[in-house]
Structures are given as C-alpha cells and as structure tokens.
Protein backbone atom coordinates (compact mmCIF):
# COMPACT_ATOMS: atom_id res chain seq x y z
CA MET A 1 6.58 8.05 29.97
CA LYS A 2 4.02 5.96 28.06
CA LYS A 3 5.15 2.72 26.47
CA LEU A 4 3.85 0.21 23.93
CA ASN A 5 5.30 -3.24 23.40
CA VAL A 6 6.16 -4.27 19.85
CA PHE A 7 5.97 -8.02 19.20
CA PHE A 8 6.89 -10.35 16.37
CA GLU A 9 4.94 -13.54 16.97
CA ASP A 10 5.49 -14.10 20.72
CA LYS A 11 8.85 -12.30 20.90
CA LEU A 12 9.33 -8.77 22.25
CA VAL A 13 11.02 -6.77 19.48
CA GLY A 14 11.25 -3.51 21.37
CA ILE A 15 9.53 -0.60 23.10
CA PHE A 16 7.77 2.32 21.38
CA SER A 17 7.68 5.24 23.83
CA GLN A 18 6.19 8.71 24.15
CA ASN A 19 7.29 11.10 26.90
CA GLU A 20 5.44 13.99 28.54
CA GLU A 21 6.60 16.40 25.83
CA MET A 22 5.17 14.14 23.08
CA ILE A 23 8.63 13.08 21.95
CA HIS A 24 8.76 9.54 20.60
CA SER A 25 11.48 6.92 20.70
CA PHE A 26 12.05 3.26 19.97
CA GLN A 27 14.56 0.81 21.38
CA TYR A 28 15.11 -2.85 20.53
CA SER A 29 14.86 -5.30 23.42
CA MET A 30 17.90 -7.34 24.48
CA GLU A 31 15.79 -10.44 23.90
CA TRP A 32 15.39 -9.43 20.25
CA LEU A 33 19.03 -8.41 19.77
CA LYS A 34 20.18 -11.81 21.06
CA ASN A 35 17.73 -13.71 18.82
CA LYS A 36 19.56 -15.28 15.88
CA ASN A 37 16.49 -14.75 13.68
CA SER A 38 16.00 -11.07 14.54
CA PHE A 39 15.67 -8.39 11.87
CA PRO A 40 15.44 -4.58 11.91
CA ILE A 41 11.86 -3.34 11.78
CA SER A 42 13.04 -0.69 9.31
CA ILE A 43 16.10 -0.23 7.12
CA ALA A 44 16.28 3.24 8.67
CA MET A 45 16.41 1.63 12.17
CA PRO A 46 19.25 -0.94 12.11
CA LEU A 47 19.66 -3.44 14.93
CA GLY A 48 21.54 -2.09 17.93
CA ASP A 49 21.11 -1.11 21.56
CA SER A 50 20.87 2.65 20.92
CA GLU A 51 17.56 4.46 21.29
CA PHE A 52 16.10 5.92 18.10
CA GLY A 53 14.88 9.52 18.21
CA ASN A 54 11.57 11.16 17.43
CA LYS A 55 11.70 11.60 13.65
CA VAL A 56 12.85 8.17 12.53
CA THR A 57 10.63 6.49 15.14
CA LEU A 58 7.54 8.35 14.00
CA ALA A 59 8.42 7.77 10.36
CA PHE A 60 8.03 4.05 10.95
CA PHE A 61 5.08 3.92 13.33
CA GLU A 62 3.03 6.82 11.91
CA ASN A 63 3.24 5.24 8.45
CA LEU A 64 1.25 2.27 9.79
CA LEU A 65 -1.81 4.45 10.29
CA PRO A 66 -4.68 5.63 8.12
CA GLU A 67 -4.19 9.11 6.68
CA GLY A 68 -6.16 12.27 6.00
CA ASN A 69 -9.88 12.38 6.69
CA VAL A 70 -10.06 8.72 7.71
CA ARG A 71 -7.48 9.20 10.45
CA ALA A 72 -8.95 12.55 11.53
CA MET A 73 -12.35 10.92 12.00
CA LEU A 74 -10.91 8.07 14.05
CA GLU A 75 -8.97 10.45 16.27
CA LYS A 76 -11.99 12.70 16.79
CA TRP A 77 -14.58 10.06 17.63
CA HIS A 78 -12.35 7.61 19.46
CA HIS A 79 -10.21 10.09 21.39
CA ALA A 80 -6.95 8.65 20.11
CA GLU A 81 -5.08 11.66 18.76
CA GLY A 82 -1.54 11.06 17.54
CA ALA A 83 0.34 7.99 16.33
CA PHE A 84 1.05 6.62 19.80
CA ASN A 85 -2.52 6.81 21.10
CA THR A 86 -3.98 5.51 17.84
CA LEU A 87 -1.66 2.51 17.80
CA GLU A 88 -2.46 1.85 21.44
CA LYS A 89 -6.05 1.23 20.34
CA TYR A 90 -5.57 -0.13 16.82
CA GLY A 91 -2.12 -1.72 16.72
CA GLU A 92 -2.93 -5.41 16.97
CA ASP A 93 -3.06 -6.11 13.22
CA CYS A 94 -0.83 -3.64 11.39
CA ALA A 95 0.65 -3.87 7.92
CA GLY A 96 3.38 -6.46 8.14
CA ALA A 97 4.22 -8.78 11.00
CA LEU A 98 4.35 -6.57 14.08
CA VAL A 99 1.77 -6.44 16.86
CA ILE A 100 1.73 -3.23 18.88
CA THR A 101 0.01 -3.31 22.25
CA ALA A 102 0.14 -2.01 25.82
CA LYS A 103 -0.32 -5.60 27.00
CA ASP A 104 2.58 -7.72 28.23
CA SER A 105 2.02 -10.29 25.51
CA PRO A 106 0.42 -10.31 22.06
CA PRO A 107 -3.23 -11.41 21.88
CA LYS A 108 -3.72 -15.11 21.36
CA LYS A 109 -6.63 -16.84 19.70
CA LYS A 110 -9.07 -18.47 22.06
CA MET A 111 -10.14 -21.82 20.69
CA LYS A 112 -13.85 -21.31 21.39
CA GLU A 113 -14.00 -17.71 20.16
CA LYS A 114 -15.68 -17.26 16.79
CA HIS A 115 -15.10 -14.53 14.24
CA SER A 116 -17.58 -11.67 14.19
CA GLU A 117 -19.42 -11.46 10.87
CA ILE A 118 -19.86 -8.03 9.30
CA LYS A 119 -23.08 -7.79 7.32
CA LEU A 120 -22.96 -6.14 3.93
CA SER A 121 -26.16 -4.31 4.78
CA ASP A 122 -24.37 -2.57 7.67
CA ILE A 123 -21.53 -1.46 5.42
CA TYR A 124 -24.03 -0.20 2.83
CA SER A 125 -25.88 1.73 5.53
CA ALA A 126 -22.66 3.43 6.62
CA ILE A 127 -21.94 4.41 3.00
CA ASP A 128 -25.50 5.68 2.49
CA GLU A 129 -25.13 7.86 5.58
CA SER A 130 -21.77 9.18 4.31
CA LYS A 131 -20.03 7.57 7.26
CA SER A 132 -16.59 6.05 7.16
CA ALA A 133 -16.58 2.25 7.02
CA VAL A 134 -13.36 2.44 9.05
CA ASP A 135 -15.22 4.21 11.86
CA PHE A 136 -18.04 1.66 11.69
CA ILE A 137 -15.56 -1.24 11.94
CA ALA A 138 -13.64 0.46 14.76
CA ASN A 139 -16.67 0.14 16.97
CA LYS A 140 -16.78 -3.59 16.32
CA ASN A 141 -13.22 -4.47 17.25
CA PRO A 142 -10.82 -1.68 18.23
CA GLY A 143 -7.67 -3.79 17.92
CA TYR A 144 -7.91 -4.30 14.17
CA LEU A 145 -7.73 -1.09 12.22
CA SER A 146 -4.18 0.06 11.60
CA ILE A 147 -4.13 0.01 7.82
CA ALA A 148 -2.10 2.76 6.18
CA GLY A 149 -3.44 4.99 3.42
CA ALA A 150 -5.89 7.78 2.74
CA GLN A 151 -8.73 5.67 1.35
CA ASP A 152 -11.60 4.25 3.41
CA LYS A 153 -10.64 0.60 3.93
CA PHE A 154 -10.41 -1.98 6.66
CA PRO A 155 -8.72 -5.35 7.26
CA CYS A 156 -10.79 -8.49 7.70
CA ILE A 157 -11.00 -12.22 7.16
CA TYR A 158 -12.84 -12.89 3.91
CA GLU A 159 -14.14 -16.43 3.46
CA ASN A 160 -16.78 -17.84 1.13
CA GLY A 161 -18.11 -14.41 0.25
CA LYS A 162 -18.50 -13.33 3.89
CA ILE A 163 -16.63 -10.68 5.85
CA TYR A 164 -15.42 -11.38 9.39
CA LEU A 165 -13.42 -9.64 12.09
CA PRO A 166 -11.20 -11.89 14.20
CA MET A 167 -11.98 -11.41 17.87
CA SER A 168 -8.74 -12.52 19.50
CA GLY A 169 -5.30 -12.41 18.04
CA GLU A 170 -5.76 -13.99 14.62
CA PRO A 171 -4.26 -12.18 11.60
CA THR A 172 -6.61 -10.69 9.03
CA THR A 173 -6.28 -11.99 5.47
CA HIS A 174 -7.87 -9.36 3.22
CA ILE A 175 -8.49 -5.64 2.91
CA ILE A 176 -11.88 -4.22 1.89
CA LYS A 177 -12.07 -0.84 0.16
CA THR A 178 -15.31 1.08 -0.15
CA PRO A 179 -16.11 3.39 -3.10
CA ILE A 180 -14.39 6.77 -2.98
CA ILE A 181 -17.04 9.35 -2.15
CA MET A 182 -15.79 12.55 -3.70
CA LYS A 183 -17.20 14.98 -6.23
CA GLY A 184 -16.32 13.94 -9.77
CA ILE A 185 -15.09 10.46 -8.83
CA LYS A 186 -17.17 7.52 -9.97
CA GLU A 187 -16.66 3.76 -10.12
CA SER A 188 -13.42 3.81 -8.11
CA VAL A 189 -13.88 0.15 -7.17
CA TYR A 190 -14.28 -1.01 -10.78
CA ASN A 191 -11.45 1.32 -11.82
CA GLU A 192 -9.01 -0.26 -9.39
CA TYR A 193 -10.24 -3.77 -10.19
CA PHE A 194 -9.65 -3.17 -13.91
CA CYS A 195 -6.17 -1.69 -13.42
CA MET A 196 -5.07 -4.39 -10.98
CA SER A 197 -6.47 -7.13 -13.22
CA LEU A 198 -4.78 -5.57 -16.24
CA ALA A 199 -1.46 -5.59 -14.38
CA ASP A 200 -2.00 -9.24 -13.47
CA LYS A 201 -2.76 -10.23 -17.06
CA ILE A 202 0.46 -8.66 -18.37
CA GLY A 203 2.57 -10.51 -15.81
CA PHE A 204 2.91 -8.13 -12.85
CA ASN A 205 3.23 -9.57 -9.37
CA VAL A 206 0.02 -8.29 -7.76
CA PRO A 207 -2.22 -9.66 -4.99
CA LYS A 208 -5.44 -11.45 -5.87
CA VAL A 209 -8.36 -9.04 -6.15
CA SER A 210 -12.13 -9.34 -6.49
CA VAL A 211 -15.30 -7.27 -6.21
CA ILE A 212 -18.27 -7.86 -3.96
CA ASP A 213 -20.92 -6.59 -6.34
CA GLY A 214 -24.00 -5.27 -4.60
CA LYS A 215 -25.75 -2.05 -3.73
CA HIS A 216 -22.30 -0.51 -3.34
CA PRO A 217 -19.41 -2.44 -4.94
CA LEU A 218 -16.61 -3.30 -2.52
CA PHE A 219 -13.02 -3.93 -3.62
CA VAL A 220 -11.38 -6.96 -2.01
CA VAL A 221 -7.61 -7.47 -2.06
CA GLU A 222 -5.76 -10.38 -0.54
CA ARG A 223 -3.05 -9.28 1.88
CA TYR A 224 0.43 -9.97 0.49
CA ASP A 225 1.91 -9.69 4.00
CA ARG A 226 0.19 -12.88 5.07
CA ARG A 227 1.05 -16.51 4.27
CA ASN A 228 -0.98 -19.66 4.74
CA ILE A 229 1.42 -22.27 6.10
CA GLU A 230 -0.12 -25.70 6.69
CA GLY A 231 -3.51 -24.15 7.30
CA LYS A 232 -2.25 -21.43 9.62
CA VAL A 233 -2.18 -17.76 8.59
CA VAL A 234 1.11 -16.10 9.58
CA ARG A 235 2.23 -12.48 9.37
CA ILE A 236 5.10 -11.48 7.05
CA HIS A 237 7.21 -8.44 7.89
CA GLN A 238 7.03 -5.56 5.44
CA GLN A 239 8.00 -1.90 5.27
CA ASP A 240 7.05 0.68 2.69
CA PHE A 241 9.69 2.84 1.02
CA CYS A 242 8.84 5.82 3.22
CA GLN A 243 9.41 3.79 6.38
CA ALA A 244 12.61 2.34 4.93
CA GLN A 245 13.99 5.85 4.36
CA GLY A 246 12.76 7.48 7.55
CA VAL A 247 10.18 9.63 5.73
CA MET A 248 6.81 10.66 7.19
CA SER A 249 3.57 9.90 5.31
CA SER A 250 3.04 13.65 4.82
CA GLU A 251 6.14 13.58 2.59
CA LYS A 252 5.25 10.53 0.51
CA TYR A 253 5.13 12.65 -2.67
CA GLU A 254 8.37 13.91 -4.20
CA SER A 255 6.75 17.35 -4.59
CA ASP A 256 6.35 17.48 -0.79
CA GLY A 257 10.02 16.72 -0.20
CA GLY A 258 9.63 12.95 -0.29
CA PRO A 259 11.74 10.30 -2.04
CA SER A 260 12.51 10.70 -5.72
CA LEU A 261 12.34 7.85 -8.19
CA ALA A 262 16.15 7.73 -8.08
CA SER A 263 16.28 7.42 -4.28
CA ASN A 264 13.67 4.63 -4.36
CA TYR A 265 15.51 2.89 -7.19
CA ASN A 266 18.86 3.08 -5.39
CA LEU A 267 17.27 1.81 -2.17
CA MET A 268 15.90 -1.17 -4.07
CA VAL A 269 19.21 -1.91 -5.83
CA ASN A 270 21.16 -1.73 -2.58
CA LYS A 271 18.79 -3.86 -0.48
CA VAL A 272 17.48 -6.71 -2.62
CA SER A 273 19.68 -9.77 -2.95
CA ALA A 274 22.11 -9.99 -5.85
CA LYS A 275 20.03 -12.78 -7.39
CA LYS A 276 16.95 -10.53 -7.41
CA ARG A 277 18.63 -7.30 -8.54
CA VAL A 278 18.13 -7.49 -12.31
CA GLU A 279 14.58 -8.82 -11.99
CA SER A 280 13.71 -6.15 -9.41
CA THR A 281 15.15 -3.40 -11.62
CA PHE A 282 12.80 -4.31 -14.43
CA ARG A 283 9.89 -4.72 -12.03
CA LEU A 284 10.35 -1.20 -10.67
CA ILE A 285 10.79 0.40 -14.10
CA ASP A 286 7.77 -1.53 -15.41
CA TRP A 287 5.72 -0.25 -12.45
CA VAL A 288 6.59 3.34 -13.37
CA CYS A 289 5.78 2.75 -17.05
CA PHE A 290 2.46 1.09 -16.26
CA ASN A 291 1.44 3.94 -13.94
CA LEU A 292 2.35 6.50 -16.61
CA LEU A 293 0.24 4.67 -19.20
CA ILE A 294 -2.87 4.16 -17.06
CA GLY A 295 -2.56 7.63 -15.53
CA ASN A 296 -1.96 6.61 -11.92
CA ASN A 297 -0.70 9.96 -10.66
CA ASP A 298 -1.04 8.76 -7.07
CA SER A 299 1.76 6.17 -7.36
CA HIS A 300 3.78 7.59 -4.46
CA SER A 301 6.57 6.05 -2.37
CA LYS A 302 4.23 4.39 0.13
CA ASN A 303 2.95 2.26 -2.74
CA LEU A 304 6.33 0.55 -2.92
CA SER A 305 7.26 -1.90 -0.18
CA PHE A 306 9.75 -4.55 0.80
CA VAL A 307 8.74 -7.91 2.22
CA LEU A 308 11.21 -9.88 4.30
CA VAL A 309 11.44 -13.47 3.07
CA ASP A 310 13.97 -15.89 4.58
CA GLY A 311 15.88 -12.96 6.00
CA LYS A 312 16.19 -11.18 2.64
CA TYR A 313 14.40 -8.16 1.18
CA ASP A 314 12.26 -8.51 -1.92
CA LEU A 315 9.93 -6.07 -3.64
CA ALA A 316 6.39 -6.62 -2.45
CA PRO A 317 3.61 -7.25 -4.96
CA PHE A 318 2.34 -4.00 -6.47
CA TYR A 319 -0.92 -2.60 -5.15
CA ASP A 320 -3.15 0.53 -5.29
CA LEU A 321 -3.02 0.58 -9.10
CA ILE A 322 -5.82 2.88 -10.25
CA SER A 323 -6.29 5.45 -13.01
CA THR A 324 -6.55 8.84 -11.32
CA ALA A 325 -6.10 10.77 -14.58
CA ILE A 326 -9.58 9.62 -15.63
CA TYR A 327 -10.95 12.11 -13.08
CA PRO A 328 -10.33 15.68 -14.34
CA ASN A 329 -10.64 17.28 -10.90
CA LEU A 330 -7.68 15.32 -9.49
CA ASP A 331 -4.06 16.48 -9.71
CA SER A 332 -2.68 15.82 -13.19
CA SER A 333 0.97 15.86 -12.04
CA PHE A 334 2.77 12.52 -11.86
CA SER A 335 3.96 11.46 -8.39
CA PHE A 336 7.61 11.40 -9.44
CA LYS A 337 9.67 13.68 -11.63
CA ILE A 338 10.83 12.02 -14.83
CA GLY A 339 13.92 13.92 -15.89
CA GLY A 340 12.65 16.86 -13.87
CA GLU A 341 9.16 16.80 -15.43
CA VAL A 342 5.83 15.83 -13.82
CA ILE A 343 3.45 16.77 -16.66
CA LEU A 344 2.77 14.09 -19.25
CA TYR A 345 3.20 16.18 -22.40
CA LYS A 346 6.62 17.40 -21.17
CA MET A 347 8.04 13.91 -20.61
CA GLY A 348 9.79 13.69 -23.96
CA LYS A 349 13.02 12.09 -25.13
CA LYS A 350 15.22 14.55 -23.28
CA ALA A 351 13.45 14.02 -19.92
CA VAL A 352 13.47 10.22 -20.25
CA SER A 353 17.18 10.18 -21.23
CA LEU A 354 18.02 12.36 -18.25
CA GLU A 355 16.11 10.02 -15.91
CA GLU A 356 17.97 7.03 -17.32
CA LYS A 357 21.28 8.74 -16.55
CA MET A 358 20.14 9.46 -12.97
CA LEU A 359 19.23 5.79 -12.56
CA ALA A 360 22.45 4.65 -14.27
CA LEU A 361 20.40 2.72 -16.81
CA LYS A 362 21.44 1.91 -20.36
CA GLU A 363 20.08 4.54 -22.74
CA GLY A 364 16.71 3.50 -24.16
CA THR A 365 15.84 1.13 -21.28
CA ILE A 366 12.80 3.05 -20.07
CA MET A 367 11.41 3.48 -23.56
CA GLU A 368 11.98 -0.18 -24.35
CA ARG A 369 10.13 -1.23 -21.19
CA MET A 370 7.36 1.29 -21.85
CA ASN A 371 6.83 -0.14 -25.31
CA ILE A 372 6.71 -3.73 -24.01
CA ILE A 373 4.17 -2.76 -21.33
CA TYR A 374 2.03 -0.87 -23.84
CA GLN A 375 2.00 -3.72 -26.37
CA ASN A 376 1.12 -6.19 -23.61
CA ILE A 377 -1.77 -3.97 -22.49
CA LEU A 378 -3.10 -3.78 -26.05
CA ALA A 379 -2.99 -7.57 -26.30
CA VAL A 380 -5.16 -8.26 -23.24
CA GLN A 381 -7.32 -5.23 -22.44
CA ASP A 382 -10.23 -5.99 -24.78
CA ASP A 383 -10.73 -9.48 -23.36
CA LEU A 384 -10.61 -8.08 -19.83
CA ILE A 385 -13.15 -5.38 -20.73
CA GLN A 386 -15.51 -8.02 -22.09
CA GLU A 387 -15.10 -10.14 -18.95
CA MET A 388 -15.85 -7.15 -16.72
CA SER A 389 -18.81 -6.00 -18.78
CA LYS A 390 -20.33 -9.45 -18.47
CA GLU A 391 -19.59 -9.89 -14.76
CA PHE A 392 -20.32 -6.30 -13.70
CA PRO A 393 -22.91 -4.84 -16.12
CA LYS A 394 -23.03 -1.56 -14.15
CA SER A 395 -19.33 -0.97 -14.73
CA LYS A 396 -18.47 1.40 -17.60
CA ILE A 397 -15.15 2.87 -16.52
CA GLN A 398 -12.95 0.13 -17.99
CA LYS A 399 -13.76 1.38 -21.49
CA ARG A 400 -12.88 4.93 -20.46
CA VAL A 401 -9.54 3.78 -19.04
CA LYS A 402 -8.80 1.98 -22.29
CA GLU A 403 -9.39 5.20 -24.24
CA LEU A 404 -7.27 7.14 -21.77
CA ILE A 405 -4.35 4.73 -22.26
CA LEU A 406 -4.58 5.24 -26.04
CA VAL A 407 -4.59 9.02 -25.61
CA ARG A 408 -1.61 8.95 -23.25
CA ALA A 409 0.36 6.72 -25.63
CA LYS A 410 -0.44 9.19 -28.42
CA ASN A 411 0.88 12.03 -26.27
CA PHE A 412 4.13 10.13 -25.69
CA ARG A 413 4.53 9.66 -29.44
CA ARG A 414 3.87 13.37 -29.98
CA VAL A 415 6.84 14.31 -27.78
CA GLY A 416 9.21 11.96 -29.56
CA LEU A 417 8.84 8.67 -27.70
CA ASN A 418 8.42 5.71 -30.00
CA LEU A 419 5.42 3.69 -28.79
C-alpha cells in the first residue's frame, strides 16, 4: 500500500492511498475530524471516519492534475503515470489549499532560500521548439506543477514583471498560460485577455489578468485561491463542480456523461449560504449567457468552482473565458444543453423556456439576463478594443470576437429571442 499525506496548513487532513491493484482510497485523519475548524475536502466526501472508495477518491484527486497532452507528456518523461504517482511528484501546490506529499509534514519556507527566476527567453525557447512549458518548469521544481486543465500553463510567483518558482513551501500567486499551439488557432492569449477583460468591465467577478507581451505573448492570471493577509500569502480551499459531484475530468462535458446545467445549478443553490443564493443564481445564469454570446463552447463543469470562505461555500471568480467559436475547426456545440439543444441556431424560445422550467426559474429570466449582458457588452467593448489595440498592436482578434458576438446575437433574434 502506497500512501500520501494530505495537509491543510500544518494539519494532517487525511491519507490518499493506492494499493497493489491500483485501487485508490481516502480517509480523514482523527486529528482533522476532531479539529473544530475542519471542513470536507469535497462535497462528495463528507467528514466522517469511513474510507472513501476508488471512484469518488479519484474524482477529487485526479481533477487536480493537468489533462490531455500536457499530462501525457509529464507522465512519459517524468515516469509518474497515474494520479497517485503524479501527485507524489507535483502535489505541493495544487489548486486550492491542500498540500499533497509523501513527507511527514508539509514543506516550509527556509528563510535564506530565494525564489528561482524563470527567464522569458527560456520559455520562448521551449515554445519555439514546440515543447511544453509545463515540462520545462517541471525540471526546475518538481513540487509545483499540479494545475488542472488541458492547456499548457504553470503556477508561479509573478512580481514586478518577473516570473519566479518558490523553492520551499511558499504558495504560488499566479498562473501563466502559453499560446495554444494548434492548427487554426491564433492569438489565444489575446483572445482570453479580451474576453476576461470584457467580463470584468461588465461587472463579473473575475481574477486580475494581464499579458506579458514579447516574442510570444503570455497570459497571466492572479490565483483566486490565494489571499494576501498582512503580507503573507495563504491558500484558500476550493473545489470545482466536477470534484464536488464526484465526477472525473474525462466526464467534465455533459455530452460525455458529465453534469448538466441543471445539476450544477442545483448544487450551487443547495450549497451557497442563504444570503448568497439570489446573487449566486444571477451570477451563474449570467456566466452561461456570457459564454453563449462570446462563443465559449468550452465552458464545462470544471470551469465552475466553490471557494470556502469563513466555513461557507461561495462561487469562485469566473475564469477560462475565451471565444472558441472564433476558430472554425473547434467543436461548435455548446458545453451544456439548453432545453436539450447544444447548437446555437436551435436554442430558440422553446429551448430556453424548457431550460427555465428545469431550473425552476421564472419564465423569461434567462432572456432578460441575456439581454442585460448583451447591452452591457455593447456599451464597453469598443473602448476595450481601442485600449488593446494601443497596448498590443499585434493583437487583431478582439475585433473578430466583437463581430462574432454581433453575429451570435443576430442568430438568437432569428430564432425568436428578443435581444
């Protein structure tokens, strides 16, 4: 039996295990169960002394890892196949507050140890050679790499325009994304920067974002699962909606058997505090409407998360907002069914009304929110485009996204939705 310790700050939360038959389990420690400030690591794994089985355990821990080609490359070159072995090497700075390690205690910062600076030229060289930046960073500091998602990205400390890796125990503060290298996909960094900035300007709760503009633009996003308290960076517990429902990352799309919009909505309604319920309802519906308008067909369940604040669940800031519909070779189906439909031109009045019934919303709510979001976008997008064109002269995609939004709004009007 192989075991990894799971820590919150300096407290042992529990043990993540893998037996000889590759069956996984998790069990909370008695120390954690007796702690008055303890919390379940996942809604799907409530506090108790019972051992959790393979599926629900993997659904939590596997969802902390990179996906697809990025994960395959890490496993191949660093001999860390599977969630357990990968977290054994890269579990010291996961999404959220947990530290996963084979050591008897979490790593602690050594006062004299300095951060390791990552030169932009080295990142550019990796991109030029079609190498994964994740793989390049893994060689620098194996403990800091467990960032979920399919895109090439890595956690770091970003200060005064420089990128650092902490060398002993300190939380990272930002995530760096490199350009997507795929046929037919251009300006992914500027695309995401525009969409995230657009969301910010119309009042969405989103993390701070920026672009390191150079030979290859790099997207920088501030981690929402970190807080600066009196000069000290602390980790905040979070779980995405797949983890919260015991769903593997391979099922993050509804079409693959993953959560529907209704199951995510009901989870949110049942878990946020009563004071936050109405606000959170509008936030979630607005997120769906915004993604439909910008054409973010990759807005799956892992892009929704809870953060734990003062012992209560709240919707995390929205992230990974990008227009995928601008790229014709990507899937044109929306991540969630709206009244049973995933194709834009089929999402008419009937489909929207049916979705409202499934969500137990007042008739017309979705269309009302869609119209508000659209009008807000129209009010700010031109100024944002001008700002981007001035700051990033090489960037052209923001104008294309603007035109796409107009076309998608026209399609909604064509099928009977009043925008």
